[in-house]
C-alpha atoms as a PDB file:
ATOM      1  CA  MET A   1    -156.974 -89.586 -86.699  1.00  0.00           C
ATOM      2  CA  GLU A   2    -154.947 -92.654 -85.869  1.00  0.00           C
ATOM      3  CA  PRO A   3    -151.551 -92.255 -87.619  1.00  0.00           C
ATOM      4  CA  ILE A   4    -151.146 -95.984 -88.321  1.00  0.00           C
ATOM      5  CA  LEU A   5    -154.213 -95.900 -90.595  1.00  0.00           C
ATOM      6  CA  GLN A   6    -152.088 -94.289 -93.308  1.00  0.00           C
ATOM      7  CA  PHE A   7    -150.454 -97.677 -93.829  1.00  0.00           C
ATOM      8  CA  PHE A   8    -153.812 -99.297 -94.582  1.00  0.00           C
ATOM      9  CA  GLU A   9    -154.506 -97.099 -97.614  1.00  0.00           C
ATOM     10  CA  PHE A  10    -154.737 -99.201-100.736  1.00  0.00           C
ATOM     11  CA  GLN A  11    -156.111 -97.022-103.544  1.00  0.00           C
ATOM     12  CA  HIS A  12    -152.597 -96.453-104.925  1.00  0.00           C
ATOM     13  CA  LEU A  13    -152.023-100.183-105.402  1.00  0.00           C
ATOM     14  CA  PRO A  14    -152.737-102.168-108.565  1.00  0.00           C
ATOM     15  CA  LEU A  15    -156.260-103.611-108.554  1.00  0.00           C
ATOM     16  CA  HIS A  16    -155.170-107.161-107.734  1.00  0.00           C
ATOM     17  CA  LEU A  17    -153.339-105.930-104.616  1.00  0.00           C
ATOM     18  CA  GLN A  18    -156.211-103.626-103.673  1.00  0.00           C
ATOM     19  CA  GLU A  19    -158.382-106.730-103.392  1.00  0.00           C
ATOM     20  CA  VAL A  20    -155.882-108.282-100.975  1.00  0.00           C
ATOM     21  CA  SER A  21    -155.561-105.130 -98.850  1.00  0.00           C
ATOM     22  CA  ARG A  22    -159.140-103.836 -98.779  1.00  0.00           C
ATOM     23  CA  ASP A  23    -160.507-106.040 -95.996  1.00  0.00           C
ATOM     24  CA  PHE A  24    -157.532-105.326 -93.732  1.00  0.00           C
ATOM     25  CA  SER A  25    -158.157-101.606 -94.173  1.00  0.00           C
ATOM     26  CA  ALA A  26    -161.839-102.002 -93.358  1.00  0.00           C
ATOM     27  CA  LEU A  27    -161.024-103.969 -90.215  1.00  0.00           C
ATOM     28  CA  ALA A  28    -158.437-101.429 -89.055  1.00  0.00           C
ATOM     29  CA  HIS A  29    -160.894 -98.561 -89.518  1.00  0.00           C
ATOM     30  CA  HIS A  30    -163.603-100.524 -87.714  1.00  0.00           C
ATOM     31  CA  LEU A  31    -161.335-101.076 -84.706  1.00  0.00           C
ATOM     32  CA  VAL A  32    -160.422 -97.380 -84.548  1.00  0.00           C
ATOM     33  CA  GLU A  33    -164.107 -96.440 -84.709  1.00  0.00           C
ATOM     34  CA  THR A  34    -165.316 -98.941 -82.115  1.00  0.00           C
ATOM     35  CA  LEU A  35    -162.533 -99.488 -79.579  1.00  0.00           C
ATOM     36  CA  PRO A  36    -161.115 -97.017 -77.093  1.00  0.00           C
ATOM     37  CA  ARG A  37    -157.603 -95.799 -77.766  1.00  0.00           C
ATOM     38  CA  ASN A  38    -155.211 -97.771 -75.597  1.00  0.00           C
ATOM     39  CA  PRO A  39    -152.085 -99.930 -75.938  1.00  0.00           C
ATOM     40  CA  GLU A  40    -154.079-103.053 -76.809  1.00  0.00           C
ATOM     41  CA  ARG A  41    -155.854-101.333 -79.710  1.00  0.00           C
ATOM     42  CA  THR A  42    -152.474-100.141 -80.976  1.00  0.00           C
ATOM     43  CA  THR A  43    -151.102-103.670 -80.766  1.00  0.00           C
ATOM     44  CA  ALA A  44    -154.150-105.026 -82.610  1.00  0.00           C
ATOM     45  CA  LEU A  45    -153.640-102.481 -85.394  1.00  0.00           C
ATOM     46  CA  ARG A  46    -149.948-103.319 -85.685  1.00  0.00           C
ATOM     47  CA  LYS A  47    -150.709-107.031 -85.931  1.00  0.00           C
ATOM     48  CA  ILE A  48    -153.361-106.411 -88.592  1.00  0.00           C
ATOM     49  CA  LEU A  49    -150.814-104.333 -90.506  1.00  0.00           C
ATOM     50  CA  GLU A  50    -148.306-107.152 -90.240  1.00  0.00           C
ATOM     51  CA  ALA A  51    -150.923-109.638 -91.457  1.00  0.00           C
ATOM     52  CA  LYS A  52    -151.831-107.375 -94.380  1.00  0.00           C
ATOM     53  CA  ASP A  53    -148.191-107.129 -95.414  1.00  0.00           C
ATOM     54  CA  CYS A  54    -147.851-110.921 -95.226  1.00  0.00           C
ATOM     55  CA  ALA A  55    -151.002-111.404 -97.317  1.00  0.00           C
ATOM     56  CA  VAL A  56    -149.685-109.076-100.027  1.00  0.00           C
ATOM     57  CA  ARG A  57    -146.367-110.912-100.053  1.00  0.00           C
ATOM     58  CA  ALA A  58    -148.198-114.244-100.211  1.00  0.00           C
ATOM     59  CA  TYR A  59    -150.057-113.009-103.273  1.00  0.00           C
ATOM     60  CA  LEU A  60    -146.780-111.939-104.910  1.00  0.00           C
ATOM     61  CA  TYR A  61    -144.843-115.038-103.834  1.00  0.00           C
ATOM     62  CA  LYS A  62    -142.994-116.995-106.477  1.00  0.00           C
ATOM     63  CA  ASN A  63    -141.617-120.387-105.644  1.00  0.00           C
ATOM     64  CA  GLU A  64    -138.463-121.836-107.127  1.00  0.00           C
ATOM     65  CA  ASN A  65    -140.429-123.577-109.905  1.00  0.00           C
ATOM     66  CA  GLN A  66    -141.756-120.312-111.300  1.00  0.00           C
ATOM     67  CA  ALA A  67    -139.783-118.370-113.866  1.00  0.00           C
ATOM     68  CA  ASN A  68    -138.479-114.946-112.835  1.00  0.00           C
ATOM     69  CA  VAL A  69    -140.427-112.300-114.674  1.00  0.00           C
END
């Protein structure tokens, strides 16, 4: 198993965040299944993880005009 895949698990998240994370997880698993293990695959997985984290934060983002809840 590729250790970084643990960070693509999404079942523990609320449903609205699962929807954001699901496709990133699928892509990460696809790359592990189809590409040989090498530094470039690792870099690709790290960048997908970074993108997933940004997407989740974008979903949760509140601008200054929104009330703090």
